[in-house]
Amino acid sequence: MSRPLTVAVAGLGTVGTGLLRLLRDNGELIACRAGRPIAVTAVSARDRHRERGVPLDGLRWYDDPVALADDGESEVVVELIGGAEGAARALVERALARGKPVVTANKALIAEHGARLGELAERKGVPLAFEAAVAGGIPVIKALREGLAANRILRLSGILNGTCNYILTVMAEKGREFAEVLAEAQKLGYAEADPGLDIDGIDAAHKLAILAALAFGRPVDFRAVHVEGIRALSALDLRFAAELGYRIKLLGIARETAEGIEARVHPAMIPLEAPLARVDGVFNAVVVEGDVVGRVMFEGRGAGAGPTASAVAADLIDIARGRSTPVWGASGGALKKLPSLGIESHVGCYYIRLMVLDRAGVIADITAILRDLGISLESMLQRGRAPGEVVPVVLVTHETEEIRLTAALSRIAALEVVVERPMVIRIEPG
């Protein structure tokens, strides 16, 4: 068999050790599919003496991860440090500048600096591979860049963060509040001690920015993604959603319109019969709509040692075989300079929950504001009477422009009888 493909790995956390274990345990199979063995020959991590459950004997160790780019006996650099800046960015830039292929699982790095890194990789004629950066072991990057390359992508939507999906699943099934379920998720290891990147939608937005760039053939633009998280959702909203025939999911949605590209991450209500409504727990899923293939769905574990290491190894196999495609599916000069659309241009249906004092004329005041701004209602829920008490009122609108709805809610929130900020959730087909 041919000589091994030699690899330097920066980062020996969950994914890094998972990769070493996978390359060892499935080494024969991987060598057959790669056409030659894949051998890790150099590593870098913070703690040289930590027990990781995998043998590191005989590997060259670098305390400075950036120095891996200069390791003369390693042909490929794998970056598993994480983060958009610091050592991760410096290592990838240096490796590409030296003409070394790079494999990374770093969605923040690719979402925020992928345009420049892609240009550098193209200029140096080497692969920059990041299958593991989106949806763990689900091969959605390869699907968009290769399997669906003949299609004009019309829309994609997905559950891109397992932490949020777990929290929303438990809230819906058990009727429990957000803070309680988040604390449980942290104890179980499904949520970080500082969960902000997950529950505020940033992690999902990084992934959506990457998918949107591949789907629509334009430079990656994380700043163009509208982002909302799940902190404000209550068990009451999930109960009302079920009553109306919906599930609430944190979705990443991107589509191309005549005016430009819409990319947004936010809680959404989707019909119970929609495929994404049935994706629960820590699972991820992506639905892609192509003009030729129609609708296809990818589902699986979006994180963890095994799924993410599987995606990293798949990229290494491609490099070993000499298979590569342009970083963003087309050469940099062929990428389109499509404008990004703000959330105010969105048109759709909305769920609105108001907490109001139960007084005569409240509903009339609210509906008058909606009427004045040209917003029509599909349905309304009001449970019982409790004069003088605070009660929920739920409104579901017909399609309307977000800019109109925002203006209406500003006026509604100013009413003396409205005691909380209105809760608004967009309604999507799934």
Protein backbone atom coordinates (compact mmCIF):
# COMPACT_ATOMS: atom_id res chain seq x y z
CA MET A 1 0.00 0.00 0.00
CA SER A 2 1.12 3.61 -0.62
CA ARG A 3 2.89 5.63 2.02
CA PRO A 4 0.64 7.13 4.72
CA LEU A 5 -0.91 10.56 4.59
CA THR A 6 0.71 12.25 7.58
CA VAL A 7 -1.45 14.51 9.72
CA ALA A 8 -0.83 17.06 12.48
CA VAL A 9 -3.73 17.60 14.91
CA ALA A 10 -4.18 20.74 16.99
CA GLY A 11 -6.58 20.21 19.88
CA LEU A 12 -6.99 16.97 21.82
CA GLY A 13 -10.36 17.56 23.42
CA THR A 14 -13.45 15.47 22.77
CA VAL A 15 -13.20 15.64 18.98
CA GLY A 16 -9.41 15.41 18.76
CA THR A 17 -9.20 12.28 20.88
CA GLY A 18 -12.24 10.93 19.04
CA LEU A 19 -10.39 11.37 15.75
CA LEU A 20 -7.28 9.57 17.03
CA ARG A 21 -9.45 6.73 18.30
CA LEU A 22 -11.36 6.49 15.01
CA LEU A 23 -8.20 6.44 12.89
CA ARG A 24 -6.86 3.66 15.12
CA ASP A 25 -10.00 1.53 15.44
CA ASN A 26 -11.10 1.84 11.79
CA GLY A 27 -7.62 2.23 10.37
CA GLU A 28 -7.79 -0.69 7.94
CA LEU A 29 -11.17 0.35 6.57
CA ILE A 30 -10.07 3.99 6.26
CA ALA A 31 -6.85 2.99 4.47
CA CYS A 32 -8.85 0.99 1.92
CA ARG A 33 -11.15 3.90 1.22
CA ALA A 34 -8.38 6.50 1.24
CA GLY A 35 -6.04 4.42 -0.91
CA ARG A 36 -3.37 4.66 1.77
CA PRO A 37 -3.14 4.79 5.57
CA ILE A 38 -3.85 8.03 7.40
CA ALA A 39 -1.39 8.53 10.25
CA VAL A 40 -1.32 11.23 12.91
CA THR A 41 2.32 12.12 13.44
CA ALA A 42 2.21 15.38 15.43
CA VAL A 43 -0.17 16.91 17.97
CA SER A 44 -0.66 19.98 20.12
CA ALA A 45 -2.83 20.57 23.18
CA ARG A 46 -2.80 22.67 26.33
CA ASP A 47 -1.90 19.93 28.81
CA ARG A 48 0.81 17.52 27.78
CA HIS A 49 0.26 15.26 30.82
CA ARG A 50 -3.52 14.86 30.83
CA GLU A 51 -4.83 11.31 30.42
CA ARG A 52 -6.92 11.20 27.25
CA GLY A 53 -7.62 7.51 26.82
CA VAL A 54 -5.65 7.23 23.57
CA PRO A 55 -1.93 6.46 23.19
CA LEU A 56 0.23 9.43 22.20
CA ASP A 57 3.54 7.58 22.24
CA GLY A 58 5.80 8.38 19.32
CA LEU A 59 3.91 11.53 18.28
CA ARG A 60 5.76 14.83 18.02
CA TRP A 61 4.32 17.24 20.58
CA TYR A 62 4.11 21.00 20.12
CA ASP A 63 3.23 23.32 22.97
CA ASP A 64 2.56 26.08 20.43
CA PRO A 65 -0.23 24.85 18.11
CA VAL A 66 0.70 27.36 15.40
CA ALA A 67 4.07 25.63 15.10
CA LEU A 68 2.26 22.58 13.72
CA ALA A 69 2.04 24.42 10.41
CA ASP A 70 5.83 24.27 10.21
CA ASP A 71 6.14 20.59 11.05
CA GLY A 72 8.12 19.28 8.12
CA GLU A 73 6.87 15.69 8.32
CA SER A 74 3.13 16.43 8.38
CA GLU A 75 1.31 16.94 5.10
CA VAL A 76 -2.09 18.02 6.45
CA VAL A 77 -3.10 20.16 9.42
CA VAL A 78 -6.30 19.42 11.37
CA GLU A 79 -7.51 22.33 13.50
CA LEU A 80 -9.77 21.33 16.41
CA ILE A 81 -9.02 24.17 18.81
CA GLY A 82 -12.16 26.21 18.15
CA GLY A 83 -12.91 29.92 18.19
CA ALA A 84 -12.80 32.49 15.43
CA GLU A 85 -9.58 34.16 16.58
CA GLY A 86 -6.35 33.39 18.40
CA ALA A 87 -4.37 30.22 17.83
CA ALA A 88 -7.03 28.58 15.66
CA ARG A 89 -7.05 31.37 13.10
CA ALA A 90 -3.28 31.82 13.20
CA LEU A 91 -2.67 28.10 12.65
CA VAL A 92 -5.06 27.82 9.69
CA GLU A 93 -3.71 30.94 8.02
CA ARG A 94 -0.11 29.80 8.46
CA ALA A 95 -0.77 26.27 7.23
CA LEU A 96 -2.56 27.52 4.11
CA ALA A 97 0.15 30.09 3.47
CA ARG A 98 2.69 27.25 3.56
CA GLY A 99 0.63 25.33 1.01
CA LYS A 100 -0.69 22.67 3.40
CA PRO A 101 -4.23 21.32 3.20
CA VAL A 102 -6.33 22.13 6.25
CA VAL A 103 -9.26 20.28 7.80
CA THR A 104 -11.24 22.03 10.52
CA ALA A 105 -14.39 21.56 12.57
CA ASN A 106 -14.41 25.26 13.48
CA LYS A 107 -17.73 26.81 12.41
CA ALA A 108 -16.96 30.19 14.00
CA LEU A 109 -13.69 30.49 12.10
CA ILE A 110 -15.22 29.50 8.76
CA ALA A 111 -18.34 31.65 9.21
CA GLU A 112 -16.41 34.76 10.21
CA HIS A 113 -13.20 34.42 8.16
CA GLY A 114 -14.09 31.80 5.55
CA ALA A 115 -14.14 34.24 2.64
CA ARG A 116 -10.53 35.29 3.20
CA LEU A 117 -9.38 31.77 4.07
CA GLY A 118 -11.06 30.42 0.95
CA GLU A 119 -9.21 32.97 -1.19
CA LEU A 120 -5.91 31.97 0.45
CA ALA A 121 -6.56 28.25 -0.10
CA GLU A 122 -7.49 28.88 -3.74
CA ARG A 123 -4.40 31.00 -4.31
CA LYS A 124 -2.18 28.29 -2.82
CA GLY A 125 -4.03 25.49 -4.63
CA VAL A 126 -4.76 23.44 -1.49
CA PRO A 127 -7.98 22.16 0.08
CA LEU A 128 -9.69 23.85 3.01
CA ALA A 129 -12.19 21.26 4.24
CA PHE A 130 -14.82 21.80 6.94
CA GLU A 131 -17.46 19.08 6.74
CA ALA A 132 -17.39 18.77 10.54
CA ALA A 133 -18.16 22.47 11.03
CA VAL A 134 -21.89 22.04 10.38
CA ALA A 135 -24.18 19.38 11.84
CA GLY A 136 -21.46 17.03 13.10
CA GLY A 137 -21.53 13.73 11.28
CA ILE A 138 -24.33 14.71 8.86
CA PRO A 139 -22.65 15.12 5.42
CA VAL A 140 -24.58 18.25 4.48
CA ILE A 141 -21.54 20.24 3.28
CA LYS A 142 -20.64 17.53 0.79
CA ALA A 143 -24.28 17.26 -0.25
CA LEU A 144 -24.56 20.97 -1.03
CA ARG A 145 -21.13 21.32 -2.63
CA GLU A 146 -21.16 18.08 -4.62
CA GLY A 147 -24.28 15.94 -4.51
CA LEU A 148 -26.67 18.82 -5.26
CA ALA A 149 -24.26 20.80 -7.45
CA ALA A 150 -26.60 20.63 -10.48
CA ASN A 151 -29.48 22.21 -8.56
CA ARG A 152 -30.48 25.77 -7.99
CA ILE A 153 -31.12 25.78 -4.24
CA LEU A 154 -34.37 27.55 -3.46
CA ARG A 155 -34.47 27.30 0.32
CA LEU A 156 -32.87 25.50 3.21
CA SER A 157 -33.94 25.22 6.80
CA GLY A 158 -32.56 23.30 9.70
CA ILE A 159 -32.27 22.48 13.37
CA LEU A 160 -28.60 23.33 13.76
CA ASN A 161 -28.04 23.30 17.51
CA GLY A 162 -28.59 20.17 19.60
CA THR A 163 -28.54 22.01 22.93
CA CYS A 164 -31.48 24.22 21.98
CA ASN A 165 -33.34 21.31 20.42
CA TYR A 166 -32.94 19.27 23.60
CA ILE A 167 -34.20 22.14 25.77
CA LEU A 168 -37.23 22.80 23.54
CA THR A 169 -38.03 19.07 23.36
CA VAL A 170 -38.11 18.72 27.16
CA MET A 171 -40.08 21.96 27.57
CA ALA A 172 -42.68 20.69 25.11
CA GLU A 173 -42.93 17.15 26.47
CA LYS A 174 -42.74 17.94 30.20
CA GLY A 175 -44.23 21.42 30.37
CA ARG A 176 -41.15 22.71 32.22
CA GLU A 177 -39.67 26.21 32.09
CA PHE A 178 -36.56 27.21 30.18
CA ALA A 179 -34.24 27.94 33.12
CA GLU A 180 -34.99 24.61 34.79
CA VAL A 181 -34.37 22.59 31.63
CA LEU A 182 -31.19 24.51 30.83
CA ALA A 183 -29.78 23.67 34.28
CA GLU A 184 -30.58 20.00 33.69
CA ALA A 185 -28.94 20.10 30.25
CA GLN A 186 -25.79 21.51 31.83
CA LYS A 187 -25.70 18.69 34.39
CA LEU A 188 -26.10 16.13 31.60
CA GLY A 189 -23.34 17.69 29.52
CA TYR A 190 -25.67 18.80 26.72
CA ALA A 191 -25.07 22.48 27.51
CA GLU A 192 -21.88 24.35 28.35
CA ALA A 193 -21.32 26.08 31.69
CA ASP A 194 -21.60 29.31 29.70
CA PRO A 195 -24.36 28.37 27.24
CA GLY A 196 -24.68 31.75 25.51
CA LEU A 197 -23.34 30.71 22.11
CA ASP A 198 -25.97 27.97 21.95
CA ILE A 199 -29.09 29.45 23.54
CA ASP A 200 -28.61 32.91 22.00
CA GLY A 201 -28.49 31.41 18.50
CA ILE A 202 -24.88 32.31 17.66
CA ASP A 203 -23.74 28.72 17.10
CA ALA A 204 -26.66 28.06 14.74
CA ALA A 205 -26.01 31.35 12.94
CA HIS A 206 -22.39 30.39 12.28
CA LYS A 207 -23.59 27.16 10.70
CA LEU A 208 -26.33 28.85 8.69
CA ALA A 209 -23.89 31.41 7.30
CA ILE A 210 -21.77 28.54 5.96
CA LEU A 211 -24.74 26.66 4.49
CA ALA A 212 -26.15 29.80 2.86
CA ALA A 213 -22.82 30.59 1.19
CA LEU A 214 -22.63 27.08 -0.27
CA ALA A 215 -26.30 26.95 -1.23
CA PHE A 216 -26.44 30.28 -3.03
CA GLY A 217 -22.89 30.59 -4.34
CA ARG A 218 -21.87 33.79 -2.61
CA PRO A 219 -19.10 34.72 -0.14
CA VAL A 220 -19.84 33.65 3.42
CA ASP A 221 -21.26 36.54 5.47
CA PHE A 222 -21.99 35.82 9.11
CA ARG A 223 -22.89 39.46 9.82
CA ALA A 224 -25.81 39.22 7.40
CA VAL A 225 -27.59 36.56 9.48
CA HIS A 226 -30.45 37.78 11.70
CA VAL A 227 -30.08 36.04 15.07
CA GLU A 228 -32.52 35.43 17.94
CA GLY A 229 -32.20 32.83 20.70
CA ILE A 230 -34.58 30.90 22.92
CA ARG A 231 -34.15 32.56 26.33
CA ALA A 232 -37.52 34.34 26.18
CA LEU A 233 -39.61 31.25 25.39
CA SER A 234 -41.89 29.95 28.13
CA ALA A 235 -43.68 26.67 28.71
CA LEU A 236 -46.90 28.61 28.07
CA ASP A 237 -45.82 29.32 24.48
CA LEU A 238 -45.04 25.67 23.85
CA ARG A 239 -48.45 24.67 25.21
CA PHE A 240 -50.24 27.16 22.99
CA ALA A 241 -48.16 25.99 20.02
CA ALA A 242 -49.30 22.39 20.58
CA GLU A 243 -52.91 23.52 20.88
CA LEU A 244 -52.62 25.33 17.55
CA GLY A 245 -51.01 22.31 15.87
CA TYR A 246 -47.36 23.39 15.93
CA ARG A 247 -43.98 22.60 17.50
CA ILE A 248 -41.49 25.32 18.37
CA LYS A 249 -37.93 24.80 17.10
CA LEU A 250 -34.91 27.05 16.83
CA LEU A 251 -34.48 27.12 13.06
CA GLY A 252 -31.85 28.42 10.69
CA ILE A 253 -33.54 29.45 7.44
CA ALA A 254 -32.04 30.78 4.22
CA ARG A 255 -33.63 31.43 0.86
CA GLU A 256 -32.96 33.32 -2.32
CA THR A 257 -35.49 35.89 -3.49
CA ALA A 258 -35.56 38.30 -6.41
CA GLU A 259 -34.25 40.98 -4.05
CA GLY A 260 -31.42 38.99 -2.46
CA ILE A 261 -30.60 36.42 0.21
CA GLU A 262 -32.57 36.07 3.43
CA ALA A 263 -30.72 34.32 6.27
CA ARG A 264 -32.17 34.14 9.78
CA VAL A 265 -31.97 32.14 12.99
CA HIS A 266 -34.88 32.34 15.43
CA PRO A 267 -37.53 30.28 17.21
CA ALA A 268 -40.20 29.21 14.74
CA MET A 269 -43.52 27.43 14.89
CA ILE A 270 -43.76 24.61 12.38
CA PRO A 271 -46.72 22.30 11.72
CA LEU A 272 -46.76 19.04 13.65
CA GLU A 273 -46.70 17.09 10.38
CA ALA A 274 -43.54 18.83 9.11
CA PRO A 275 -40.47 16.56 9.05
CA LEU A 276 -38.45 18.95 11.23
CA ALA A 277 -41.18 18.92 13.90
CA ARG A 278 -40.33 15.27 14.61
CA VAL A 279 -36.60 15.88 15.16
CA ASP A 280 -36.17 15.84 18.92
CA GLY A 281 -33.50 15.72 21.62
CA VAL A 282 -29.92 16.56 20.67
CA PHE A 283 -30.40 15.66 17.00
CA ASN A 284 -29.81 18.06 14.10
CA ALA A 285 -31.55 18.07 10.72
CA VAL A 286 -31.35 20.09 7.52
CA VAL A 287 -33.97 20.28 4.77
CA VAL A 288 -32.78 21.46 1.35
CA GLU A 289 -35.08 22.33 -1.54
CA GLY A 290 -33.55 22.14 -5.03
CA ASP A 291 -35.21 23.05 -8.30
CA VAL A 292 -34.43 19.64 -9.81
CA VAL A 293 -34.16 17.19 -6.90
CA GLY A 294 -37.01 18.65 -4.89
CA ARG A 295 -36.91 18.38 -1.12
CA VAL A 296 -34.27 16.30 0.66
CA MET A 297 -33.62 15.95 4.39
CA PHE A 298 -30.51 15.08 6.36
CA GLU A 299 -30.77 14.07 10.01
CA GLY A 300 -28.39 12.81 12.70
CA ARG A 301 -26.27 13.70 15.68
CA GLY A 302 -24.86 17.17 15.27
CA ALA A 303 -22.09 17.01 17.86
CA GLY A 304 -19.99 14.67 19.95
CA ALA A 305 -16.71 12.83 19.53
CA GLY A 306 -17.92 10.15 17.14
CA PRO A 307 -20.04 12.14 14.65
CA THR A 308 -17.63 15.06 14.41
CA ALA A 309 -14.55 12.85 14.13
CA SER A 310 -16.33 10.91 11.39
CA ALA A 311 -16.72 14.11 9.36
CA VAL A 312 -13.09 15.12 9.92
CA ALA A 313 -11.92 11.67 8.80
CA ALA A 314 -14.10 11.90 5.68
CA ASP A 315 -12.31 15.11 4.69
CA LEU A 316 -8.94 13.44 5.29
CA ILE A 317 -9.95 10.53 3.07
CA ASP A 318 -10.80 12.97 0.26
CA ILE A 319 -7.41 14.64 0.63
CA ALA A 320 -5.63 11.28 0.64
CA ARG A 321 -7.43 10.37 -2.59
CA GLY A 322 -6.62 13.72 -4.17
CA ARG A 323 -10.30 14.66 -4.38
CA SER A 324 -11.09 18.33 -3.90
CA THR A 325 -13.63 20.93 -4.93
CA PRO A 326 -13.44 24.71 -4.59
CA VAL A 327 -13.91 25.78 -0.97
CA TRP A 328 -17.27 27.43 -1.65
CA GLY A 329 -18.33 25.16 -4.51
CA ALA A 330 -17.07 27.51 -7.24
CA SER A 331 -13.94 29.56 -7.79
CA GLY A 332 -13.82 32.86 -5.96
CA GLY A 333 -14.33 34.83 -9.16
CA ALA A 334 -17.56 32.95 -9.88
CA LEU A 335 -19.20 33.69 -6.53
CA LYS A 336 -22.16 36.05 -6.78
CA LYS A 337 -22.31 39.39 -4.96
CA LEU A 338 -25.93 38.96 -3.89
CA PRO A 339 -27.37 41.50 -1.43
CA SER A 340 -28.52 40.45 2.03
CA LEU A 341 -32.07 41.16 3.15
CA GLY A 342 -32.88 42.45 6.61
CA ILE A 343 -35.50 40.80 8.79
CA GLU A 344 -37.81 43.80 8.33
CA SER A 345 -38.46 42.67 4.75
CA HIS A 346 -39.70 39.24 5.86
CA VAL A 347 -43.28 38.37 4.99
CA GLY A 348 -45.05 35.60 6.86
CA CYS A 349 -47.56 34.56 9.50
CA TYR A 350 -46.98 35.24 13.19
CA TYR A 351 -47.93 33.95 16.62
CA ILE A 352 -48.36 36.76 19.15
CA ARG A 353 -48.87 36.19 22.89
CA LEU A 354 -49.94 39.15 24.98
CA MET A 355 -50.27 39.25 28.76
CA VAL A 356 -53.05 41.72 29.47
CA LEU A 357 -55.29 42.90 32.27
CA ASP A 358 -58.71 41.38 31.77
CA ARG A 359 -60.79 44.50 31.24
CA ALA A 360 -63.65 45.40 28.95
CA GLY A 361 -62.50 46.71 25.57
CA VAL A 362 -58.98 45.25 25.64
CA ILE A 363 -59.44 43.05 22.58
CA ALA A 364 -61.11 45.86 20.68
CA ASP A 365 -58.15 48.18 21.35
CA ILE A 366 -55.66 45.55 20.19
CA THR A 367 -57.53 44.57 17.03
CA ALA A 368 -58.03 48.23 16.14
CA ILE A 369 -54.26 48.76 16.09
CA LEU A 370 -53.78 45.68 13.91
CA ARG A 371 -56.56 46.85 11.57
CA ASP A 372 -55.02 50.31 11.24
CA LEU A 373 -51.74 48.75 10.10
CA GLY A 374 -53.39 46.33 7.68
CA ILE A 375 -52.77 43.15 9.68
CA SER A 376 -55.52 40.55 9.59
CA LEU A 377 -56.03 37.73 12.08
CA GLU A 378 -56.46 34.05 11.32
CA SER A 379 -57.37 33.05 14.88
CA MET A 380 -57.42 34.16 18.50
CA LEU A 381 -57.24 32.24 21.79
CA GLN A 382 -58.47 33.62 25.10
CA ARG A 383 -59.02 31.28 28.02
CA GLY A 384 -61.89 32.11 30.39
CA ARG A 385 -62.42 35.38 32.25
CA ALA A 386 -60.56 36.77 35.26
CA PRO A 387 -61.66 40.40 35.62
CA GLY A 388 -58.80 42.55 36.84
CA GLU A 389 -56.27 39.71 36.59
CA VAL A 390 -53.49 39.20 34.04
CA VAL A 391 -54.46 36.72 31.33
CA PRO A 392 -52.81 35.52 28.09
CA VAL A 393 -54.29 36.42 24.72
CA VAL A 394 -52.90 34.60 21.67
CA LEU A 395 -53.27 35.96 18.15
CA VAL A 396 -52.29 34.24 14.90
CA THR A 397 -51.96 36.52 11.89
CA HIS A 398 -52.36 35.97 8.20
CA GLU A 399 -49.30 36.80 6.08
CA THR A 400 -48.01 40.28 6.76
CA GLU A 401 -44.81 42.28 6.46
CA GLU A 402 -42.57 42.21 9.50
CA ILE A 403 -42.09 45.95 9.37
CA ARG A 404 -45.87 46.40 9.78
CA LEU A 405 -46.02 43.91 12.63
CA THR A 406 -43.16 45.62 14.45
CA ALA A 407 -44.97 48.95 14.24
CA ALA A 408 -48.20 47.39 15.50
CA LEU A 409 -46.52 45.67 18.44
CA SER A 410 -44.84 48.90 19.47
CA ARG A 411 -48.25 50.53 19.76
CA ILE A 412 -49.81 47.50 21.46
CA ALA A 413 -46.99 47.29 24.03
CA ALA A 414 -47.69 50.93 24.98
CA LEU A 415 -51.28 50.12 26.01
CA GLU A 416 -51.80 50.41 29.76
CA VAL A 417 -53.42 46.96 29.90
CA VAL A 418 -50.42 45.15 28.32
CA VAL A 419 -48.18 44.18 31.25
CA GLU A 420 -45.35 42.31 29.47
CA ARG A 421 -43.42 42.71 26.26
CA PRO A 422 -45.36 40.86 23.52
CA MET A 423 -43.99 37.45 22.59
CA VAL A 424 -43.74 37.01 18.82
CA ILE A 425 -42.83 33.76 17.03
CA ARG A 426 -42.68 33.44 13.26
CA ILE A 427 -44.68 30.63 11.70
CA GLU A 428 -42.81 28.59 9.07
CA PRO A 429 -43.67 25.61 6.84
CA GLY A 430 -40.77 23.63 8.32
